[in-house]
Amino acid sequence: MVHGVIIAVAVSLTWILLQNLLMHWRPAKNRFKTITIGYLLSLPFILVAYRWLPPQALSSSAESPAMGLFHAYFFHLLLFLCYAECFYHVERSVTLRLLVELLQRGGQAVSLSEIQGRYNVESMISERLAVLRDQGFIEFRGDSWHLCLKGAALAKLTIGAAWLFQFKGQHERLDTLQE
């Protein structure tokens, strides 16, 4: 099992790294199709790597090659699903989007009514801001919300992940659909 998991991790990381490098060089219009094709093209490399790389010392000698290969393919599938989930949903989080919007304002005061004007659900925003405040990401000063150091760091990390994975925000995807 361990040998299969190690092979899956190695092939998955190689595929993800190569795909992200190619996406920076030549961005794809349909990113889900691109990651799915990349995943499918990586499948034969599981078998090649499983046969080429020697079993690890941690691997049980009683493990059958068929079970090791099953674990390699199964874990590779799980890593693909995790990658697809992260690829599409990290920036979509309302919490992270609020942090990024506050960061992009460059320290300018942002009132609750201004934030709510960008969203349809008043209670969702109020509750989310309260959670962010309670967890130390933002603070309420005067009549406006401001980022704390922790919130600014998470917002910057989110922007970095968006750049690294070349994903568009939901508002950018909607603009593309309306054209």
Protein backbone atom coordinates (compact mmCIF):
# COMPACT_ATOMS: atom_id res chain seq x y z
CA MET A 1 0.00 0.00 0.00
CA VAL A 2 2.76 2.46 0.95
CA HIS A 3 4.53 1.95 -2.37
CA GLY A 4 1.29 2.68 -4.25
CA VAL A 5 0.60 5.83 -2.22
CA ILE A 6 4.15 7.12 -2.75
CA ILE A 7 3.84 6.52 -6.51
CA ALA A 8 0.46 8.29 -6.58
CA VAL A 9 1.84 11.30 -4.73
CA ALA A 10 4.92 11.50 -6.96
CA VAL A 11 2.97 11.24 -10.23
CA SER A 12 0.22 13.60 -9.01
CA LEU A 13 2.65 16.27 -7.86
CA THR A 14 4.58 16.02 -11.13
CA TRP A 15 1.38 16.31 -13.18
CA ILE A 16 0.05 19.23 -11.11
CA LEU A 17 3.35 21.10 -11.26
CA LEU A 18 3.69 20.63 -15.03
CA GLN A 19 0.09 21.66 -15.61
CA ASN A 20 0.45 24.81 -13.53
CA LEU A 21 3.64 25.76 -15.35
CA LEU A 22 1.90 25.25 -18.70
CA MET A 23 -1.12 27.26 -17.52
CA HIS A 24 1.17 30.20 -16.74
CA TRP A 25 2.76 29.92 -20.16
CA ARG A 26 -0.47 29.32 -22.11
CA PRO A 27 -3.68 29.74 -20.07
CA ALA A 28 -6.57 27.51 -21.08
CA LYS A 29 -10.11 28.77 -21.58
CA ASN A 30 -11.73 25.69 -20.08
CA ARG A 31 -9.59 24.92 -17.06
CA PHE A 32 -11.64 21.98 -15.78
CA LYS A 33 -11.31 20.27 -19.15
CA THR A 34 -7.56 20.94 -19.04
CA ILE A 35 -7.08 19.42 -15.58
CA THR A 36 -9.24 16.43 -16.53
CA ILE A 37 -7.18 15.82 -19.68
CA GLY A 38 -3.99 16.22 -17.64
CA TYR A 39 -5.27 13.67 -15.14
CA LEU A 40 -6.20 11.19 -17.86
CA LEU A 41 -2.81 11.63 -19.55
CA SER A 42 -1.08 10.98 -16.21
CA LEU A 43 -2.78 7.61 -15.68
CA PRO A 44 -0.28 5.52 -17.71
CA PHE A 45 2.58 7.07 -15.73
CA ILE A 46 1.22 5.44 -12.56
CA LEU A 47 1.87 2.01 -14.07
CA VAL A 48 5.27 3.03 -15.45
CA ALA A 49 6.37 4.57 -12.14
CA TYR A 50 5.02 1.62 -10.15
CA ARG A 51 7.08 -0.84 -12.18
CA TRP A 52 10.16 1.40 -12.53
CA LEU A 53 10.56 2.67 -8.97
CA PRO A 54 11.53 0.03 -6.42
CA PRO A 55 9.23 -0.65 -3.48
CA GLN A 56 10.05 1.44 -0.45
CA ALA A 57 11.46 -0.05 2.73
CA LEU A 58 8.20 0.82 4.51
CA SER A 59 6.23 -1.28 2.09
CA SER A 60 5.04 -4.64 3.33
CA SER A 61 6.60 -7.56 1.48
CA ALA A 62 3.29 -9.41 1.84
CA GLU A 63 1.48 -6.82 -0.30
CA SER A 64 0.47 -8.11 -3.71
CA PRO A 65 1.49 -6.01 -6.71
CA ALA A 66 -2.16 -5.79 -7.76
CA MET A 67 -3.17 -4.22 -4.43
CA GLY A 68 -0.23 -1.81 -4.57
CA LEU A 69 -1.25 -0.74 -8.05
CA PHE A 70 -4.88 -0.40 -6.94
CA HIS A 71 -3.80 1.88 -4.09
CA ALA A 72 -1.66 3.94 -6.48
CA TYR A 73 -4.54 4.52 -8.90
CA PHE A 74 -7.10 5.06 -6.16
CA PHE A 75 -4.97 7.58 -4.26
CA HIS A 76 -4.12 9.33 -7.56
CA LEU A 77 -7.88 9.71 -8.17
CA LEU A 78 -8.37 11.12 -4.66
CA LEU A 79 -5.55 13.61 -5.21
CA PHE A 80 -7.14 14.65 -8.53
CA LEU A 81 -10.49 15.24 -6.83
CA CYS A 82 -8.82 17.22 -4.04
CA TYR A 83 -6.88 19.28 -6.58
CA ALA A 84 -10.02 19.99 -8.62
CA GLU A 85 -11.85 21.05 -5.45
CA CYS A 86 -9.05 23.39 -4.40
CA PHE A 87 -8.58 24.65 -7.95
CA TYR A 88 -12.18 25.83 -8.21
CA HIS A 89 -13.34 26.61 -4.70
CA VAL A 90 -10.55 28.25 -2.70
CA GLU A 91 -11.24 31.81 -3.91
CA ARG A 92 -14.99 31.35 -4.07
CA SER A 93 -15.23 31.32 -0.30
CA VAL A 94 -17.09 34.38 0.93
CA THR A 95 -14.66 34.72 3.83
CA LEU A 96 -11.61 34.80 1.60
CA ARG A 97 -13.29 37.09 -0.90
CA LEU A 98 -14.13 39.59 1.85
CA LEU A 99 -10.54 39.56 3.05
CA VAL A 100 -9.21 40.12 -0.48
CA GLU A 101 -11.65 42.97 -1.10
CA LEU A 102 -10.61 44.68 2.14
CA LEU A 103 -6.94 44.24 1.22
CA GLN A 104 -7.50 45.68 -2.25
CA ARG A 105 -9.01 48.81 -0.72
CA GLY A 106 -5.54 49.66 0.57
CA GLY A 107 -6.51 50.61 4.10
CA GLN A 108 -9.50 52.71 3.07
CA ALA A 109 -12.50 52.62 5.37
CA VAL A 110 -15.24 50.26 4.23
CA SER A 111 -18.68 50.60 5.77
CA LEU A 112 -21.07 47.72 6.31
CA SER A 113 -23.56 49.20 3.84
CA GLU A 114 -20.83 49.40 1.17
CA ILE A 115 -19.92 45.73 1.68
CA GLN A 116 -23.56 44.66 1.70
CA GLY A 117 -24.16 46.59 -1.50
CA ARG A 118 -21.90 44.11 -3.29
CA TYR A 119 -23.83 41.08 -1.97
CA ASN A 120 -27.50 40.16 -1.88
CA VAL A 121 -27.73 38.46 1.48
CA GLU A 122 -27.48 40.94 4.37
CA SER A 123 -27.43 38.44 7.21
CA MET A 124 -24.75 36.31 5.54
CA ILE A 125 -22.34 39.24 5.43
CA SER A 126 -23.04 40.38 8.98
CA GLU A 127 -22.54 36.87 10.35
CA ARG A 128 -19.37 36.30 8.30
CA LEU A 129 -17.89 39.63 9.42
CA ALA A 130 -18.64 38.71 13.04
CA VAL A 131 -16.82 35.38 12.60
CA LEU A 132 -13.85 37.12 10.97
CA ARG A 133 -13.76 39.62 13.83
CA ASP A 134 -14.01 36.90 16.51
CA GLN A 135 -11.15 34.97 14.90
CA GLY A 136 -8.90 38.04 14.65
CA PHE A 137 -8.89 38.52 10.88
CA ILE A 138 -10.61 41.92 10.91
CA GLU A 139 -11.62 44.57 13.41
CA PHE A 140 -14.36 47.17 13.59
CA ARG A 141 -13.08 50.70 14.20
CA GLY A 142 -15.37 53.70 14.20
CA ASP A 143 -17.98 52.76 11.63
CA SER A 144 -15.91 50.59 9.27
CA TRP A 145 -14.11 47.26 8.98
CA HIS A 146 -10.32 46.98 8.74
CA LEU A 147 -7.94 44.07 8.13
CA CYS A 148 -5.77 42.81 10.96
CA LEU A 149 -2.32 41.39 10.23
CA LYS A 150 -3.71 37.85 10.21
CA GLY A 151 -6.44 38.81 7.70
CA ALA A 152 -3.99 40.62 5.42
CA ALA A 153 -1.70 37.57 5.41
CA LEU A 154 -4.56 35.24 4.48
CA ALA A 155 -5.77 37.63 1.76
CA LYS A 156 -2.26 37.78 0.27
CA LEU A 157 -2.00 33.98 0.42
CA THR A 158 -5.33 33.76 -1.42
CA ILE A 159 -4.13 36.13 -4.14
CA GLY A 160 -0.93 34.07 -4.46
CA ALA A 161 -2.91 30.84 -4.78
CA ALA A 162 -5.15 32.45 -7.42
CA TRP A 163 -2.06 33.45 -9.40
CA LEU A 164 -0.36 30.08 -8.93
CA PHE A 165 -3.37 28.02 -9.99
CA GLN A 166 -4.49 30.57 -12.62
CA PHE A 167 -8.09 30.48 -11.54
CA LYS A 168 -10.53 33.29 -12.05
CA GLY A 169 -12.80 34.66 -9.38
CA GLN A 170 -16.49 34.00 -9.69
CA HIS A 171 -17.12 37.59 -10.77
CA GLU A 172 -14.56 37.19 -13.59
CA ARG A 173 -16.21 33.96 -14.75
CA LEU A 174 -19.60 35.70 -14.81
CA ASP A 175 -18.17 38.57 -16.88
CA THR A 176 -16.85 36.03 -19.41
CA LEU A 177 -20.25 34.30 -19.62
CA GLN A 178 -22.05 37.60 -20.25
CA GLU A 179 -19.84 38.51 -23.24
